[in-house]
Amino acid sequence: MIKALVLLLLAGIILSLFSGLFFLNQDQGGSRRMVRALTVRITLSVILFLVLIFAWFNGLIQPHGLGPN
């Protein structure tokens, strides 16, 4: 369940990032749509961070080392 939530949030972040890029090119920076898209991206990023911290504290995910033991 946590993995699906993390993937959903990451997909939303990427979608919001590309929509901000699209609005930047479409409106030449004179629109609030780009600001709104980037605000959504920042909000989703903060939510993702909080979900990861919550899952770690509750033992739903475990950190691991990068190299072999």
N, C-alpha and C. Protein backbone atom coordinates (compact mmCIF):
# COMPACT_ATOMS: atom_id res chain seq x y z
N MET A 1 0.82 -1.19 0.00
CA MET A 1 0.00 0.00 0.00
C MET A 1 0.88 1.26 0.00
N ILE A 2 1.93 1.23 0.83
CA ILE A 2 2.81 2.39 0.90
C ILE A 2 3.53 2.59 -0.43
N LYS A 3 3.95 1.49 -1.06
CA LYS A 3 4.65 1.60 -2.33
C LYS A 3 3.75 2.23 -3.39
N ALA A 4 2.49 1.84 -3.40
CA ALA A 4 1.54 2.41 -4.37
C ALA A 4 1.33 3.89 -4.11
N LEU A 5 1.24 4.28 -2.84
CA LEU A 5 1.06 5.68 -2.49
C LEU A 5 2.29 6.50 -2.90
N VAL A 6 3.47 5.97 -2.66
CA VAL A 6 4.70 6.66 -3.04
C VAL A 6 4.78 6.81 -4.56
N LEU A 7 4.46 5.75 -5.29
CA LEU A 7 4.48 5.84 -6.75
C LEU A 7 3.44 6.82 -7.28
N LEU A 8 2.28 6.85 -6.66
CA LEU A 8 1.23 7.79 -7.07
C LEU A 8 1.67 9.23 -6.82
N LEU A 9 2.28 9.49 -5.67
CA LEU A 9 2.77 10.83 -5.38
C LEU A 9 3.90 11.23 -6.33
N LEU A 10 4.80 10.31 -6.63
CA LEU A 10 5.88 10.61 -7.58
C LEU A 10 5.33 10.91 -8.97
N ALA A 11 4.33 10.15 -9.40
CA ALA A 11 3.71 10.41 -10.70
C ALA A 11 3.04 11.79 -10.71
N GLY A 12 2.39 12.15 -9.61
CA GLY A 12 1.77 13.48 -9.52
C GLY A 12 2.80 14.58 -9.54
N ILE A 13 3.93 14.37 -8.90
CA ILE A 13 5.00 15.37 -8.90
C ILE A 13 5.54 15.57 -10.31
N ILE A 14 5.79 14.49 -11.01
CA ILE A 14 6.32 14.58 -12.38
C ILE A 14 5.30 15.23 -13.31
N LEU A 15 4.04 14.85 -13.17
CA LEU A 15 2.98 15.45 -13.99
C LEU A 15 2.88 16.95 -13.74
N SER A 16 2.94 17.35 -12.48
CA SER A 16 2.87 18.77 -12.14
C SER A 16 4.08 19.53 -12.66
N LEU A 17 5.25 18.90 -12.61
CA LEU A 17 6.46 19.53 -13.13
C LEU A 17 6.35 19.80 -14.63
N PHE A 18 5.87 18.80 -15.37
CA PHE A 18 5.74 18.99 -16.82
C PHE A 18 4.60 19.94 -17.18
N SER A 19 3.54 19.98 -16.37
CA SER A 19 2.48 20.94 -16.65
C SER A 19 2.98 22.36 -16.39
N GLY A 20 3.82 22.55 -15.38
CA GLY A 20 4.43 23.86 -15.16
C GLY A 20 5.31 24.28 -16.32
N LEU A 21 6.08 23.33 -16.86
CA LEU A 21 6.90 23.61 -18.03
C LEU A 21 6.03 23.98 -19.24
N PHE A 22 4.94 23.25 -19.41
CA PHE A 22 4.04 23.54 -20.53
C PHE A 22 3.44 24.93 -20.39
N PHE A 23 2.99 25.29 -19.18
CA PHE A 23 2.40 26.62 -18.98
C PHE A 23 3.43 27.72 -19.11
N LEU A 24 4.68 27.43 -18.77
CA LEU A 24 5.74 28.42 -18.94
C LEU A 24 5.94 28.72 -20.42
N ASN A 25 5.96 27.68 -21.25
CA ASN A 25 6.14 27.89 -22.69
C ASN A 25 4.89 28.45 -23.34
N GLN A 26 3.72 28.01 -22.90
CA GLN A 26 2.46 28.42 -23.52
C GLN A 26 2.14 29.89 -23.22
N ASP A 27 2.30 30.29 -21.96
CA ASP A 27 1.88 31.63 -21.53
C ASP A 27 3.03 32.63 -21.46
N GLN A 28 4.22 32.21 -21.79
CA GLN A 28 5.42 33.06 -21.75
C GLN A 28 5.65 33.65 -20.36
N GLY A 29 5.28 32.90 -19.32
CA GLY A 29 5.56 33.32 -17.95
C GLY A 29 4.61 34.37 -17.41
N GLY A 30 3.58 34.75 -18.12
CA GLY A 30 2.67 35.80 -17.67
C GLY A 30 1.38 35.28 -17.07
N SER A 31 1.36 34.04 -16.64
CA SER A 31 0.14 33.44 -16.14
C SER A 31 0.34 32.88 -14.75
N ARG A 32 -0.74 32.77 -14.01
CA ARG A 32 -0.66 32.18 -12.67
C ARG A 32 -0.80 30.66 -12.74
N ARG A 33 -1.06 30.11 -13.92
CA ARG A 33 -1.20 28.66 -14.04
C ARG A 33 0.13 27.96 -13.75
N MET A 34 1.22 28.57 -14.17
CA MET A 34 2.53 27.98 -13.90
C MET A 34 2.82 27.99 -12.41
N VAL A 35 2.52 29.09 -11.75
CA VAL A 35 2.74 29.20 -10.31
C VAL A 35 1.88 28.17 -9.57
N ARG A 36 0.66 27.98 -10.00
CA ARG A 36 -0.23 27.00 -9.36
C ARG A 36 0.30 25.58 -9.56
N ALA A 37 0.80 25.28 -10.76
CA ALA A 37 1.34 23.94 -11.02
C ALA A 37 2.57 23.67 -10.16
N LEU A 38 3.42 24.66 -10.00
CA LEU A 38 4.61 24.47 -9.18
C LEU A 38 4.27 24.43 -7.69
N THR A 39 3.22 25.14 -7.28
CA THR A 39 2.75 25.04 -5.90
C THR A 39 2.22 23.64 -5.60
N VAL A 40 1.52 23.07 -6.56
CA VAL A 40 1.03 21.69 -6.41
C VAL A 40 2.21 20.74 -6.30
N ARG A 41 3.24 20.95 -7.09
CA ARG A 41 4.43 20.09 -7.05
C ARG A 41 5.10 20.15 -5.69
N ILE A 42 5.26 21.34 -5.15
CA ILE A 42 5.89 21.50 -3.84
C ILE A 42 5.04 20.85 -2.75
N THR A 43 3.73 21.02 -2.83
CA THR A 43 2.83 20.41 -1.86
C THR A 43 2.91 18.89 -1.92
N LEU A 44 2.91 18.33 -3.11
CA LEU A 44 3.03 16.88 -3.25
C LEU A 44 4.38 16.37 -2.74
N SER A 45 5.42 17.14 -2.95
CA SER A 45 6.74 16.75 -2.46
C SER A 45 6.79 16.72 -0.94
N VAL A 46 6.17 17.70 -0.31
CA VAL A 46 6.13 17.74 1.15
C VAL A 46 5.29 16.58 1.68
N ILE A 47 4.18 16.29 1.04
CA ILE A 47 3.33 15.17 1.44
C ILE A 47 4.10 13.85 1.30
N LEU A 48 4.84 13.70 0.20
CA LEU A 48 5.64 12.49 0.00
C LEU A 48 6.68 12.34 1.11
N PHE A 49 7.35 13.41 1.45
CA PHE A 49 8.34 13.37 2.52
C PHE A 49 7.69 12.97 3.84
N LEU A 50 6.54 13.54 4.16
CA LEU A 50 5.85 13.21 5.41
C LEU A 50 5.37 11.76 5.42
N VAL A 51 4.90 11.26 4.28
CA VAL A 51 4.47 9.86 4.19
C VAL A 51 5.66 8.93 4.42
N LEU A 52 6.81 9.25 3.85
CA LEU A 52 8.00 8.42 4.04
C LEU A 52 8.47 8.43 5.49
N ILE A 53 8.45 9.58 6.14
CA ILE A 53 8.83 9.66 7.54
C ILE A 53 7.85 8.88 8.40
N PHE A 54 6.54 9.03 8.14
CA PHE A 54 5.51 8.30 8.89
C PHE A 54 5.68 6.79 8.73
N ALA A 55 5.91 6.35 7.50
CA ALA A 55 6.08 4.92 7.24
C ALA A 55 7.33 4.38 7.92
N TRP A 56 8.39 5.16 7.96
CA TRP A 56 9.62 4.73 8.60
C TRP A 56 9.44 4.61 10.11
N PHE A 57 8.79 5.61 10.73
CA PHE A 57 8.57 5.57 12.17
C PHE A 57 7.65 4.43 12.58
N ASN A 58 6.71 4.06 11.74
CA ASN A 58 5.78 2.98 12.06
C ASN A 58 6.28 1.61 11.61
N GLY A 59 7.47 1.53 11.05
CA GLY A 59 8.06 0.26 10.66
C GLY A 59 7.51 -0.31 9.36
N LEU A 60 6.82 0.50 8.56
CA LEU A 60 6.28 0.01 7.30
C LEU A 60 7.34 -0.10 6.21
N ILE A 61 8.39 0.70 6.32
CA ILE A 61 9.53 0.63 5.41
C ILE A 61 10.80 0.60 6.25
N GLN A 62 11.83 0.00 5.72
CA GLN A 62 13.11 -0.10 6.41
C GLN A 62 14.22 0.39 5.50
N PRO A 63 15.08 1.28 6.00
CA PRO A 63 16.23 1.69 5.19
C PRO A 63 17.24 0.56 5.10
N HIS A 64 18.02 0.56 4.05
CA HIS A 64 19.04 -0.46 3.87
C HIS A 64 20.29 0.19 3.31
N GLY A 65 21.41 -0.51 3.42
CA GLY A 65 22.67 0.01 2.91
C GLY A 65 22.74 -0.07 1.42
N LEU A 66 23.64 0.69 0.85
CA LEU A 66 23.78 0.71 -0.60
C LEU A 66 24.69 -0.39 -1.12
N GLY A 67 25.68 -0.76 -0.35
CA GLY A 67 26.64 -1.75 -0.81
C GLY A 67 26.42 -3.10 -0.17
N PRO A 68 27.12 -4.11 -0.68
CA PRO A 68 27.02 -5.44 -0.07
C PRO A 68 27.70 -5.46 1.29
N ASN A 69 27.24 -6.35 2.14
CA ASN A 69 27.80 -6.43 3.51
C ASN A 69 29.10 -7.14 3.54
